[in-house]
C-alpha atoms as a PDB file:
ATOM      1  CA  MET A   1      61.490-134.408-127.385  1.00  0.00           C
ATOM      2  CA  LYS A   2      58.540-132.107-127.461  1.00  0.00           C
ATOM      3  CA  ARG A   3      55.142-133.742-127.494  1.00  0.00           C
ATOM      4  CA  ASP A   4      51.965-132.425-129.247  1.00  0.00           C
ATOM      5  CA  GLY A   5      48.825-131.594-127.238  1.00  0.00           C
ATOM      6  CA  GLY A   6      47.155-134.950-127.477  1.00  0.00           C
ATOM      7  CA  GLU A   7      50.309-136.993-126.478  1.00  0.00           C
ATOM      8  CA  GLN A   8      50.941-134.498-123.572  1.00  0.00           C
ATOM      9  CA  ASN A   9      47.475-134.885-122.284  1.00  0.00           C
ATOM     10  CA  ASP A  10      47.728-138.752-122.436  1.00  0.00           C
ATOM     11  CA  LEU A  11      51.056-138.492-120.602  1.00  0.00           C
ATOM     12  CA  LEU A  12      49.640-136.214-117.825  1.00  0.00           C
ATOM     13  CA  ARG A  13      46.522-138.453-117.560  1.00  0.00           C
ATOM     14  CA  ALA A  14      48.696-141.601-117.174  1.00  0.00           C
ATOM     15  CA  TYR A  15      50.619-139.808-114.512  1.00  0.00           C
ATOM     16  CA  LEU A  16      47.601-138.814-112.562  1.00  0.00           C
ATOM     17  CA  LEU A  17      46.249-142.432-112.820  1.00  0.00           C
ATOM     18  CA  GLY A  18      49.642-143.903-111.720  1.00  0.00           C
ATOM     19  CA  THR A  19      50.062-146.029-114.771  1.00  0.00           C
ATOM     20  CA  LEU A  20      53.678-144.602-115.833  1.00  0.00           C
ATOM     21  CA  SER A  21      56.695-146.535-115.139  1.00  0.00           C
ATOM     22  CA  GLU A  22      59.140-145.211-112.465  1.00  0.00           C
ATOM     23  CA  GLU A  23      61.434-143.826-115.112  1.00  0.00           C
ATOM     24  CA  GLU A  24      58.758-142.100-117.062  1.00  0.00           C
ATOM     25  CA  THR A  25      57.338-140.566-113.838  1.00  0.00           C
ATOM     26  CA  ALA A  26      60.753-139.216-112.833  1.00  0.00           C
ATOM     27  CA  ARG A  27      61.271-137.556-116.167  1.00  0.00           C
ATOM     28  CA  LEU A  28      57.849-135.910-116.109  1.00  0.00           C
ATOM     29  CA  GLU A  29      58.212-134.693-112.495  1.00  0.00           C
ATOM     30  CA  ALA A  30      61.509-133.026-113.588  1.00  0.00           C
ATOM     31  CA  ARG A  31      59.860-131.270-116.382  1.00  0.00           C
ATOM     32  CA  LEU A  32      56.883-130.121-114.162  1.00  0.00           C
ATOM     33  CA  ALA A  33      59.462-128.518-111.790  1.00  0.00           C
ATOM     34  CA  ASP A  34      60.793-126.225-114.582  1.00  0.00           C
ATOM     35  CA  ASP A  35      57.542-125.825-116.768  1.00  0.00           C
ATOM     36  CA  GLU A  36      54.795-123.648-115.425  1.00  0.00           C
ATOM     37  CA  ALA A  37      52.656-124.263-118.488  1.00  0.00           C
ATOM     38  CA  LEU A  38      52.998-128.027-117.948  1.00  0.00           C
ATOM     39  CA  ARG A  39      51.894-127.754-114.392  1.00  0.00           C
ATOM     40  CA  ALA A  40      48.814-125.680-115.576  1.00  0.00           C
ATOM     41  CA  ALA A  41      48.021-128.395-118.088  1.00  0.00           C
ATOM     42  CA  LEU A  42      48.369-130.916-115.353  1.00  0.00           C
ATOM     43  CA  ALA A  43      46.006-129.065-113.128  1.00  0.00           C
ATOM     44  CA  THR A  44      43.540-128.863-116.002  1.00  0.00           C
ATOM     45  CA  GLU A  45      43.736-132.587-116.623  1.00  0.00           C
ATOM     46  CA  GLN A  46      43.302-133.355-112.979  1.00  0.00           C
ATOM     47  CA  GLU A  47      40.123-131.301-112.915  1.00  0.00           C
ATOM     48  CA  ARG A  48      38.771-133.291-115.885  1.00  0.00           C
ATOM     49  CA  LEU A  49      39.546-136.593-114.240  1.00  0.00           C
ATOM     50  CA  GLU A  50      38.031-135.542-110.965  1.00  0.00           C
ATOM     51  CA  ALA A  51      34.871-134.488-112.803  1.00  0.00           C
ATOM     52  CA  LEU A  52      34.747-137.968-114.474  1.00  0.00           C
ATOM     53  CA  GLY A  53      35.384-139.746-111.174  1.00  0.00           C
ATOM     54  CA  CYS A  54      38.399-141.460-112.641  1.00  0.00           C
ATOM     55  CA  LEU A  55      40.777-140.599-109.836  1.00  0.00           C
ATOM     56  CA  ALA A  56      38.830-142.749-107.293  1.00  0.00           C
ATOM     57  CA  GLU A  57      40.786-145.767-108.094  1.00  0.00           C
ATOM     58  CA  ALA A  58      43.736-146.391-110.522  1.00  0.00           C
ATOM     59  CA  ALA A  59      43.318-148.413-113.634  1.00  0.00           C
ATOM     60  CA  PRO A  60      44.670-151.955-113.510  1.00  0.00           C
ATOM     61  CA  PRO A  61      48.164-152.416-114.861  1.00  0.00           C
ATOM     62  CA  GLU A  62      48.278-153.609-118.460  1.00  0.00           C
ATOM     63  CA  GLY A  63      48.102-157.334-118.993  1.00  0.00           C
ATOM     64  CA  LEU A  64      46.723-157.942-115.430  1.00  0.00           C
ATOM     65  CA  ALA A  65      43.902-160.152-116.493  1.00  0.00           C
ATOM     66  CA  GLU A  66      46.002-162.480-118.612  1.00  0.00           C
ATOM     67  CA  ARG A  67      48.632-162.839-115.811  1.00  0.00           C
ATOM     68  CA  THR A  68      45.805-163.645-113.209  1.00  0.00           C
ATOM     69  CA  ILE A  69      44.288-166.387-115.411  1.00  0.00           C
ATOM     70  CA  ARG A  70      47.665-167.925-116.172  1.00  0.00           C
ATOM     71  CA  ARG A  71      48.508-168.076-112.420  1.00  0.00           C
ATOM     72  CA  VAL A  72      45.159-169.601-111.412  1.00  0.00           C
ATOM     73  CA  ALA A  73      45.590-172.327-114.129  1.00  0.00           C
ATOM     74  CA  GLU A  74      49.209-173.144-112.777  1.00  0.00           C
ATOM     75  CA  GLU A  75      48.024-173.338-109.122  1.00  0.00           C
ATOM     76  CA  ALA A  76      44.777-175.228-109.614  1.00  0.00           C
ATOM     77  CA  PRO A  77      44.949-178.963-108.598  1.00  0.00           C
ATOM     78  CA  ALA A  78      45.389-181.322-111.563  1.00  0.00           C
ATOM     79  CA  GLU A  79      42.310-183.361-110.670  1.00  0.00           C
ATOM     80  CA  GLU A  80      40.042-180.436-110.958  1.00  0.00           C
ATOM     81  CA  ALA A  81      41.008-179.983-114.679  1.00  0.00           C
ATOM     82  CA  TRP A  82      38.453-182.845-115.516  1.00  0.00           C
ATOM     83  CA  GLN A  83      35.092-183.568-114.077  1.00  0.00           C
ATOM     84  CA  PRO A  84      33.907-187.121-114.231  1.00  0.00           C
ATOM     85  CA  GLY A  85      30.451-187.696-115.959  1.00  0.00           C
ATOM     86  CA  PHE A  86      27.862-190.538-115.610  1.00  0.00           C
ATOM     87  CA  TRP A  87      29.781-193.297-117.162  1.00  0.00           C
ATOM     88  CA  ALA A  88      32.871-192.540-115.236  1.00  0.00           C
ATOM     89  CA  LEU A  89      30.912-192.778-111.939  1.00  0.00           C
ATOM     90  CA  LEU A  90      28.951-195.919-113.054  1.00  0.00           C
ATOM     91  CA  PRO A  91      31.614-198.515-111.914  1.00  0.00           C
ATOM     92  CA  ARG A  92      31.836-197.016-108.399  1.00  0.00           C
ATOM     93  CA  ALA A  93      28.006-196.860-108.205  1.00  0.00           C
ATOM     94  CA  ILE A  94      27.738-200.538-109.247  1.00  0.00           C
ATOM     95  CA  THR A  95      30.604-201.486-106.651  1.00  0.00           C
ATOM     96  CA  ILE A  96      28.591-199.789-103.784  1.00  0.00           C
ATOM     97  CA  GLY A  97      25.114-200.346-104.951  1.00  0.00           C
ATOM     98  CA  LEU A  98      25.128-204.030-105.988  1.00  0.00           C
ATOM     99  CA  PRO A  99      25.952-205.391-102.468  1.00  0.00           C
ATOM    100  CA  LEU A 100      23.266-203.216-101.046  1.00  0.00           C
ATOM    101  CA  LEU A 101      20.754-204.563-103.501  1.00  0.00           C
ATOM    102  CA  VAL A 102      21.744-208.105-102.712  1.00  0.00           C
ATOM    103  CA  VAL A 103      21.442-207.475 -98.968  1.00  0.00           C
ATOM    104  CA  CYS A 104      18.067-205.901 -99.438  1.00  0.00           C
ATOM    105  CA  GLY A 105      16.875-208.709-101.556  1.00  0.00           C
ATOM    106  CA  LEU A 106      17.976-211.269 -98.908  1.00  0.00           C
ATOM    107  CA  LEU A 107      16.255-209.189 -96.258  1.00  0.00           C
ATOM    108  CA  VAL A 108      12.931-209.114 -98.088  1.00  0.00           C
ATOM    109  CA  THR A 109      13.092-212.815 -98.738  1.00  0.00           C
ATOM    110  CA  ALA A 110      13.697-213.485 -95.017  1.00  0.00           C
ATOM    111  CA  LEU A 111      10.675-211.200 -94.055  1.00  0.00           C
ATOM    112  CA  MET A 112       8.475-212.959 -96.441  1.00  0.00           C
ATOM    113  CA  HIS A 113       9.537-216.336 -95.129  1.00  0.00           C
ATOM    114  CA  MET A 114       8.822-215.153 -91.589  1.00  0.00           C
ATOM    115  CA  ARG A 115       5.433-213.933 -92.592  1.00  0.00           C
ATOM    116  CA  GLU A 116       4.567-217.142 -94.345  1.00  0.00           C
ATOM    117  CA  THR A 117       5.719-219.127 -91.361  1.00  0.00           C
ATOM    118  CA  SER A 118       3.732-216.943 -88.932  1.00  0.00           C
ATOM    119  CA  GLN A 119       0.484-217.411 -91.205  1.00  0.00           C
ATOM    120  CA  ARG A 120       0.932-221.145 -91.438  1.00  0.00           C
ATOM    121  CA  THR A 121       1.349-221.335 -87.593  1.00  0.00           C
ATOM    122  CA  ALA A 122      -1.821-219.276 -87.186  1.00  0.00           C
ATOM    123  CA  SER A 123      -3.793-221.441 -89.663  1.00  0.00           C
ATOM    124  CA  ALA A 124      -2.631-224.494 -87.729  1.00  0.00           C
ATOM    125  CA  GLY A 125      -3.971-222.945 -84.637  1.00  0.00           C
ATOM    126  CA  ASN A 126      -7.388-222.394 -86.422  1.00  0.00           C
ATOM    127  CA  LEU A 127      -7.610-226.075 -87.276  1.00  0.00           C
ATOM    128  CA  LYS A 128      -6.792-227.146 -83.866  1.00  0.00           C
ATOM    129  CA  GLN A 129      -9.560-224.963 -82.510  1.00  0.00           C
ATOM    130  CA  MET A 130     -11.930-226.532 -85.046  1.00  0.00           C
ATOM    131  CA  GLY A 131     -10.764-229.996 -83.798  1.00  0.00           C
ATOM    132  CA  LEU A 132     -11.754-229.107 -80.265  1.00  0.00           C
ATOM    133  CA  ILE A 133     -15.167-227.916 -81.501  1.00  0.00           C
ATOM    134  CA  CYS A 134     -15.763-231.167 -83.387  1.00  0.00           C
ATOM    135  CA  LYS A 135     -14.984-233.228 -80.268  1.00  0.00           C
ATOM    136  CA  MET A 136     -17.328-231.007 -78.133  1.00  0.00           C
ATOM    137  CA  TYR A 137     -20.123-231.394 -80.725  1.00  0.00           C
ATOM    138  CA  ALA A 138     -19.667-235.154 -80.944  1.00  0.00           C
ATOM    139  CA  GLY A 139     -19.772-235.332 -77.033  1.00  0.00           C
ATOM    140  CA  GLU A 140     -23.213-233.842 -77.091  1.00  0.00           C
ATOM    141  CA  ASN A 141     -24.537-235.398 -80.284  1.00  0.00           C
ATOM    142  CA  ARG A 142     -24.183-239.222 -79.833  1.00  0.00           C
ATOM    143  CA  GLY A 143     -20.643-239.226 -81.050  1.00  0.00           C
ATOM    144  CA  LYS A 144     -21.311-237.740 -84.434  1.00  0.00           C
ATOM    145  CA  PHE A 145     -19.051-235.001 -85.853  1.00  0.00           C
ATOM    146  CA  PRO A 146     -20.708-231.915 -87.319  1.00  0.00           C
ATOM    147  CA  PRO A 147     -22.415-232.647 -90.671  1.00  0.00           C
ATOM    148  CA  VAL A 148     -21.183-231.107 -94.067  1.00  0.00           C
ATOM    149  CA  ALA A 149     -23.135-227.805 -95.069  1.00  0.00           C
ATOM    150  CA  PRO A 150     -26.289-228.746 -96.904  1.00  0.00           C
ATOM    151  CA  PHE A 151     -25.468-226.641 -99.937  1.00  0.00           C
ATOM    152  CA  GLU A 152     -24.248-228.211-103.071  1.00  0.00           C
ATOM    153  CA  GLY A 153     -20.446-227.745-103.788  1.00  0.00           C
ATOM    154  CA  VAL A 154     -19.781-226.293-100.295  1.00  0.00           C
ATOM    155  CA  TRP A 155     -17.299-228.318 -98.392  1.00  0.00           C
ATOM    156  CA  ALA A 156     -17.585-226.804 -94.935  1.00  0.00           C
ATOM    157  CA  PRO A 157     -19.098-227.677 -91.576  1.00  0.00           C
ATOM    158  CA  ASP A 158     -22.819-226.891 -91.291  1.00  0.00           C
ATOM    159  CA  LEU A 159     -22.550-223.500 -89.359  1.00  0.00           C
ATOM    160  CA  ARG A 160     -26.195-223.863 -88.516  1.00  0.00           C
ATOM    161  CA  VAL A 161     -25.568-226.471 -85.732  1.00  0.00           C
ATOM    162  CA  LEU A 162     -22.202-224.829 -84.593  1.00  0.00           C
ATOM    163  CA  TYR A 163     -23.019-221.054 -84.328  1.00  0.00           C
ATOM    164  CA  PRO A 164     -23.279-219.617 -81.773  1.00  0.00           C
ATOM    165  CA  ASN A 165     -23.329-222.583 -79.419  1.00  0.00           C
ATOM    166  CA  TYR A 166     -19.867-223.963 -80.284  1.00  0.00           C
ATOM    167  CA  ILE A 167     -18.463-221.229 -82.448  1.00  0.00           C
ATOM    168  CA  THR A 168     -18.596-217.770 -80.841  1.00  0.00           C
ATOM    169  CA  ASP A 169     -15.804-216.021 -82.985  1.00  0.00           C
ATOM    170  CA  PRO A 170     -15.867-217.161 -86.630  1.00  0.00           C
ATOM    171  CA  GLN A 171     -12.419-215.595 -87.206  1.00  0.00           C
ATOM    172  CA  PHE A 172     -10.618-219.077 -86.974  1.00  0.00           C
ATOM    173  CA  LEU A 173     -12.695-220.201 -89.919  1.00  0.00           C
ATOM    174  CA  VAL A 174     -10.641-217.973 -92.227  1.00  0.00           C
ATOM    175  CA  ASP A 175      -7.139-218.876 -93.419  1.00  0.00           C
ATOM    176  CA  PRO A 176      -4.941-215.890 -92.607  1.00  0.00           C
ATOM    177  CA  ARG A 177      -3.008-216.631 -95.823  1.00  0.00           C
ATOM    178  CA  LEU A 178      -6.009-215.435 -97.966  1.00  0.00           C
ATOM    179  CA  PRO A 179      -5.171-212.354 -99.933  1.00  0.00           C
ATOM    180  CA  ARG A 180      -8.047-210.411 -98.198  1.00  0.00           C
ATOM    181  CA  ALA A 181      -8.268-212.306 -94.901  1.00  0.00           C
ATOM    182  CA  LYS A 182      -9.463-209.380 -92.771  1.00  0.00           C
ATOM    183  CA  ARG A 183     -12.162-208.573 -95.379  1.00  0.00           C
ATOM    184  CA  THR A 184     -13.276-212.158 -95.455  1.00  0.00           C
ATOM    185  CA  VAL A 185     -13.574-212.270 -91.736  1.00  0.00           C
ATOM    186  CA  ALA A 186     -15.829-209.247 -91.783  1.00  0.00           C
ATOM    187  CA  GLN A 187     -17.921-210.790 -94.500  1.00  0.00           C
ATOM    188  CA  LEU A 188     -18.312-213.944 -92.450  1.00  0.00           C
ATOM    189  CA  ARG A 189     -19.350-211.928 -89.330  1.00  0.00           C
ATOM    190  CA  ASP A 190     -21.915-209.901 -91.267  1.00  0.00           C
ATOM    191  CA  ALA A 191     -23.447-212.926 -92.749  1.00  0.00           C
ATOM    192  CA  LEU A 192     -23.797-214.757 -89.251  1.00  0.00           C
ATOM    193  CA  ALA A 193     -24.878-211.482 -87.556  1.00  0.00           C
ATOM    194  CA  ALA A 194     -27.755-210.981 -89.941  1.00  0.00           C
ATOM    195  CA  ASP A 195     -31.316-211.624 -88.833  1.00  0.00           C
ATOM    196  CA  PRO A 196     -31.908-214.252 -89.808  1.00  0.00           C
ATOM    197  CA  PRO A 197     -28.177-215.389 -90.436  1.00  0.00           C
ATOM    198  CA  ARG A 198     -27.368-215.911 -94.208  1.00  0.00           C
ATOM    199  CA  TRP A 199     -26.298-219.518 -93.632  1.00  0.00           C
ATOM    200  CA  GLU A 200     -25.439-220.492 -97.179  1.00  0.00           C
ATOM    201  CA  GLU A 201     -23.348-217.336 -97.620  1.00  0.00           C
ATOM    202  CA  ALA A 202     -21.563-217.944 -94.378  1.00  0.00           C
ATOM    203  CA  CYS A 203     -20.642-221.536 -95.209  1.00  0.00           C
ATOM    204  CA  ARG A 204     -19.482-220.599 -98.647  1.00  0.00           C
ATOM    205  CA  ILE A 205     -17.168-218.035 -97.127  1.00  0.00           C
ATOM    206  CA  ALA A 206     -15.837-220.620 -94.636  1.00  0.00           C
ATOM    207  CA  ALA A 207     -15.193-223.054 -97.567  1.00  0.00           C
ATOM    208  CA  ARG A 208     -12.831-220.676 -99.140  1.00  0.00           C
ATOM    209  CA  SER A 209     -10.243-221.343 -96.410  1.00  0.00           C
ATOM    210  CA  TYR A 210     -10.660-224.933 -95.224  1.00  0.00           C
ATOM    211  CA  THR A 211     -12.136-227.992 -96.549  1.00  0.00           C
ATOM    212  CA  TYR A 212     -14.255-230.294 -94.151  1.00  0.00           C
ATOM    213  CA  THR A 213     -14.810-233.637 -95.573  1.00  0.00           C
ATOM    214  CA  GLY A 214     -17.573-234.897 -93.155  1.00  0.00           C
ATOM    215  CA  TRP A 215     -16.638-238.515 -93.737  1.00  0.00           C
ATOM    216  CA  SER A 216     -13.663-240.769 -92.741  1.00  0.00           C
ATOM    217  CA  ILE A 217     -11.836-240.703 -96.047  1.00  0.00           C
ATOM    218  CA  ARG A 218      -8.286-242.068 -95.581  1.00  0.00           C
ATOM    219  CA  ASP A 219      -6.824-242.153 -99.225  1.00  0.00           C
ATOM    220  CA  ALA A 220      -7.519-241.191-102.754  1.00  0.00           C
ATOM    221  CA  SER A 221      -9.038-244.577-103.705  1.00  0.00           C
ATOM    222  CA  GLU A 222     -12.223-243.675-101.825  1.00  0.00           C
ATOM    223  CA  LEU A 223     -12.630-240.194-103.692  1.00  0.00           C
ATOM    224  CA  PRO A 224     -14.724-241.723-106.645  1.00  0.00           C
ATOM    225  CA  ALA A 225     -17.320-243.078-104.271  1.00  0.00           C
ATOM    226  CA  VAL A 226     -17.473-239.698-102.378  1.00  0.00           C
ATOM    227  CA  ARG A 227     -18.031-237.914-105.789  1.00  0.00           C
ATOM    228  CA  GLU A 228     -20.659-240.259-106.782  1.00  0.00           C
ATOM    229  CA  ASP A 229     -22.742-240.573-103.776  1.00  0.00           C
ATOM    230  CA  TYR A 230     -22.350-236.884-102.695  1.00  0.00           C
ATOM    231  CA  GLN A 231     -24.402-235.870-105.752  1.00  0.00           C
ATOM    232  CA  ARG A 232     -27.172-238.197-104.749  1.00  0.00           C
ATOM    233  CA  MET A 233     -27.149-236.910-101.117  1.00  0.00           C
ATOM    234  CA  ALA A 234     -27.114-233.274-102.361  1.00  0.00           C
ATOM    235  CA  LYS A 235     -30.354-233.860-104.294  1.00  0.00           C
ATOM    236  CA  ALA A 236     -31.939-235.529-101.308  1.00  0.00           C
ATOM    237  CA  GLY A 237     -30.675-233.021 -98.893  1.00  0.00           C
ATOM    238  CA  ASP A 238     -29.335-235.785 -96.563  1.00  0.00           C
ATOM    239  CA  PHE A 239     -25.671-235.566 -95.557  1.00  0.00           C
ATOM    240  CA  ASP A 240     -26.004-237.567 -92.315  1.00  0.00           C
ATOM    241  CA  ARG A 241     -25.275-241.062 -93.497  1.00  0.00           C
ATOM    242  CA  ASP A 242     -22.468-243.215 -94.758  1.00  0.00           C
ATOM    243  CA  ILE A 243     -21.187-243.005 -98.242  1.00  0.00           C
ATOM    244  CA  ARG A 244     -21.784-246.126-100.209  1.00  0.00           C
ATOM    245  CA  GLY A 245     -19.745-246.746-103.337  1.00  0.00           C
ATOM    246  CA  GLU A 246     -19.632-249.674-105.662  1.00  0.00           C
ATOM    247  CA  ASN A 247     -16.652-251.253-103.952  1.00  0.00           C
ATOM    248  CA  SER A 248     -16.401-249.659-100.534  1.00  0.00           C
ATOM    249  CA  THR A 249     -18.258-247.801 -97.782  1.00  0.00           C
ATOM    250  CA  VAL A 250     -17.025-244.549 -96.298  1.00  0.00           C
ATOM    251  CA  PRO A 251     -18.370-244.112 -92.793  1.00  0.00           C
ATOM    252  CA  ARG A 252     -19.743-240.808 -91.730  1.00  0.00           C
ATOM    253  CA  LEU A 253     -17.257-239.081 -89.183  1.00  0.00           C
ATOM    254  CA  ARG A 254     -18.201-240.078 -85.623  1.00  0.00           C
ATOM    255  CA  GLU A 255     -16.408-241.313 -82.501  1.00  0.00           C
ATOM    256  CA  GLY A 256     -15.511-244.954 -82.734  1.00  0.00           C
ATOM    257  CA  VAL A 257     -15.317-244.965 -86.563  1.00  0.00           C
ATOM    258  CA  GLU A 258     -11.632-245.819 -86.204  1.00  0.00           C
ATOM    259  CA  ARG A 259     -12.775-249.427 -85.366  1.00  0.00           C
ATOM    260  CA  PHE A 260     -13.340-249.946 -89.119  1.00  0.00           C
ATOM    261  CA  PHE A 261      -9.665-249.472 -89.743  1.00  0.00           C
ATOM    262  CA  ILE A 262      -8.054-251.583 -86.999  1.00  0.00           C
ATOM    263  CA  THR A 263      -7.880-255.384 -86.480  1.00  0.00           C
ATOM    264  CA  ASP A 264      -7.575-255.350 -82.752  1.00  0.00           C
ATOM    265  CA  ILE A 265     -10.609-253.393 -81.406  1.00  0.00           C
ATOM    266  CA  ASN A 266      -9.718-254.104 -77.808  1.00  0.00           C
ATOM    267  CA  ASN A 267      -6.492-252.252 -78.161  1.00  0.00           C
ATOM    268  CA  PRO A 268      -7.006-248.626 -77.074  1.00  0.00           C
ATOM    269  CA  ALA A 269      -3.595-247.679 -78.454  1.00  0.00           C
ATOM    270  CA  ALA A 270      -4.458-248.967 -81.833  1.00  0.00           C
ATOM    271  CA  GLY A 271      -7.774-246.973 -81.852  1.00  0.00           C
ATOM    272  CA  ALA A 272      -5.946-243.752 -81.017  1.00  0.00           C
ATOM    273  CA  GLY A 273      -3.431-244.465 -83.689  1.00  0.00           C
ATOM    274  CA  ALA A 274      -6.258-244.967 -86.249  1.00  0.00           C
ATOM    275  CA  GLN A 275      -7.736-241.561 -85.384  1.00  0.00           C
ATOM    276  CA  SER A 276      -4.477-239.987 -86.080  1.00  0.00           C
ATOM    277  CA  THR A 277      -4.681-241.152 -89.775  1.00  0.00           C
ATOM    278  CA  ILE A 278      -8.177-239.841 -90.451  1.00  0.00           C
ATOM    279  CA  PRO A 279      -8.162-236.322 -91.891  1.00  0.00           C
ATOM    280  CA  ILE A 280     -11.328-234.325 -91.252  1.00  0.00           C
ATOM    281  CA  MET A 281     -10.495-230.713 -92.250  1.00  0.00           C
ATOM    282  CA  PHE A 282      -7.500-229.150 -94.110  1.00  0.00           C
ATOM    283  CA  GLU A 283      -6.466-225.979 -96.008  1.00  0.00           C
ATOM    284  CA  VAL A 284      -7.992-225.718 -99.443  1.00  0.00           C
ATOM    285  CA  VAL A 285      -6.068-227.788-101.947  1.00  0.00           C
ATOM    286  CA  TYR A 286      -5.905-226.235-105.370  1.00  0.00           C
ATOM    287  CA  PRO A 287      -5.415-227.941-108.634  1.00  0.00           C
ATOM    288  CA  PRO A 288      -1.984-228.198-110.309  1.00  0.00           C
ATOM    289  CA  GLY A 289      -0.793-224.978-111.908  1.00  0.00           C
ATOM    290  CA  ASP A 290      -3.084-222.741-109.752  1.00  0.00           C
ATOM    291  CA  ASP A 291      -0.982-219.918-108.441  1.00  0.00           C
ATOM    292  CA  ARG A 292      -2.965-219.927-105.093  1.00  0.00           C
ATOM    293  CA  GLN A 293      -1.696-223.432-104.205  1.00  0.00           C
ATOM    294  CA  PRO A 294       1.163-223.112-101.543  1.00  0.00           C
ATOM    295  CA  GLU A 295       4.026-225.513-101.176  1.00  0.00           C
ATOM    296  CA  GLY A 296       1.989-227.473 -98.606  1.00  0.00           C
ATOM    297  CA  CYS A 297      -1.164-227.513 -96.384  1.00  0.00           C
ATOM    298  CA  ASN A 298      -1.956-227.887 -92.773  1.00  0.00           C
ATOM    299  CA  VAL A 299      -4.188-230.999 -92.048  1.00  0.00           C
ATOM    300  CA  LEU A 300      -6.423-231.596 -89.051  1.00  0.00           C
ATOM    301  CA  TYR A 301      -6.753-235.270 -88.025  1.00  0.00           C
ATOM    302  CA  MET A 302      -9.582-236.945 -85.985  1.00  0.00           C
ATOM    303  CA  ASP A 303      -7.388-237.182 -82.917  1.00  0.00           C
ATOM    304  CA  GLY A 304      -6.988-233.350 -82.951  1.00  0.00           C
ATOM    305  CA  HIS A 305      -3.356-233.092 -84.065  1.00  0.00           C
ATOM    306  CA  VAL A 306      -2.327-230.900 -87.014  1.00  0.00           C
ATOM    307  CA  GLU A 307       0.319-231.808 -89.464  1.00  0.00           C
ATOM    308  CA  TYR A 308       1.807-229.860 -92.348  1.00  0.00           C
ATOM    309  CA  LEU A 309       2.039-231.949 -95.642  1.00  0.00           C
ATOM    310  CA  PRO A 310       3.931-230.839 -98.752  1.00  0.00           C
ATOM    311  CA  TYR A 311       1.866-230.574-101.868  1.00  0.00           C
ATOM    312  CA  GLY A 312       1.640-233.850-103.865  1.00  0.00           C
ATOM    313  CA  GLU A 313       3.276-236.132-101.328  1.00  0.00           C
ATOM    314  CA  ALA A 314       0.450-237.659 -99.202  1.00  0.00           C
ATOM    315  CA  PHE A 315      -3.281-237.674 -98.864  1.00  0.00           C
ATOM    316  CA  PRO A 316      -5.174-235.362 -98.703  1.00  0.00           C
ATOM    317  CA  VAL A 317      -2.773-232.706-100.287  1.00  0.00           C
ATOM    318  CA  LEU A 318      -3.063-234.220-103.678  1.00  0.00           C
ATOM    319  CA  PRO A 319      -4.350-232.956-107.052  1.00  0.00           C
ATOM    320  CA  ALA A 320      -7.228-235.683-106.886  1.00  0.00           C
ATOM    321  CA  VAL A 321      -8.519-233.984-103.702  1.00  0.00           C
ATOM    322  CA  ALA A 322      -8.838-230.620-105.515  1.00  0.00           C
ATOM    323  CA  GLU A 323     -10.972-232.326-108.084  1.00  0.00           C
ATOM    324  CA  THR A 324     -13.316-233.965-105.532  1.00  0.00           C
ATOM    325  CA  PHE A 325     -13.401-230.978-103.208  1.00  0.00           C
ATOM    326  CA  PRO A 326     -13.183-227.915-105.684  1.00  0.00           C
ATOM    327  CA  PRO A 327     -12.338-224.690-104.111  1.00  0.00           C
ATOM    328  CA  THR A 328     -15.113-222.279-103.463  1.00  0.00           C
ATOM    329  CA  THR A 329     -14.234-219.028-105.053  1.00  0.00           C
ATOM    330  CA  GLU A 330     -15.175-215.559-103.950  1.00  0.00           C
ATOM    331  CA  PRO A 331     -18.172-214.078-105.674  1.00  0.00           C
END
């Protein structure tokens, strides 16, 4: 069948591009062998295609894109057909993350407990050091322990008689459990290094950490007498005498005061035992409900030993003590 010019050119172009089937290619090549005009038309079409650059590579077979997409879809792994989102991954994240959070929480709790224990031990060491200083001072001052600071509301040893002869480094006058312990130590050193020393400021700083009673108070029943007579002594500026209440007398801290509390004064063991029951200095006790009050406090006794007492269980770690010896706050 004879083709018009447009169909013939399309046929020749398809032949040159290699897109004819084998059967169509064979028929066209048989015609080209016998038809000189067809060969001339083929040459013309080839020149056109070469000018357009279309013979550099053959056009893809018809339907190649559809077949490629279908084959890729058939060979792709089934699990890649769906990508999990946030909610699908959440159970796995919880399974892995929750145990890690629990472990981290336990680790933080253990570290905080270790830190608290270390600070409590360091604070006990501070009090033991103060016990030695009190004994040294008593040995050189007719058996009397250091007096209370002569500033109203300040329950701390009078640093005027202790620094620098007995206390050379004031660091142990600061409780390491204070929120800004290092800063407090620096403030205390500055106050003592001033010329002249700022004694009241130094004593008030020391009173933030430890309470020094100055008298042999053994139980809460003696606190009312201390509160009452302390006010009179503060006005007179005289803290170097016994406290005299309506129903009792509280002796000033001094060597031999334990004889007031034993029946057999000739028994040395009884005297030593009595000294172990007289608290002379302890970590500041806060009133009930105060967030600064820890679970317990270290207490220094007259014989030099330090004991940790849970809050509210025994004198002097009682709410009534916080009322009699109110904490000195930071200005």
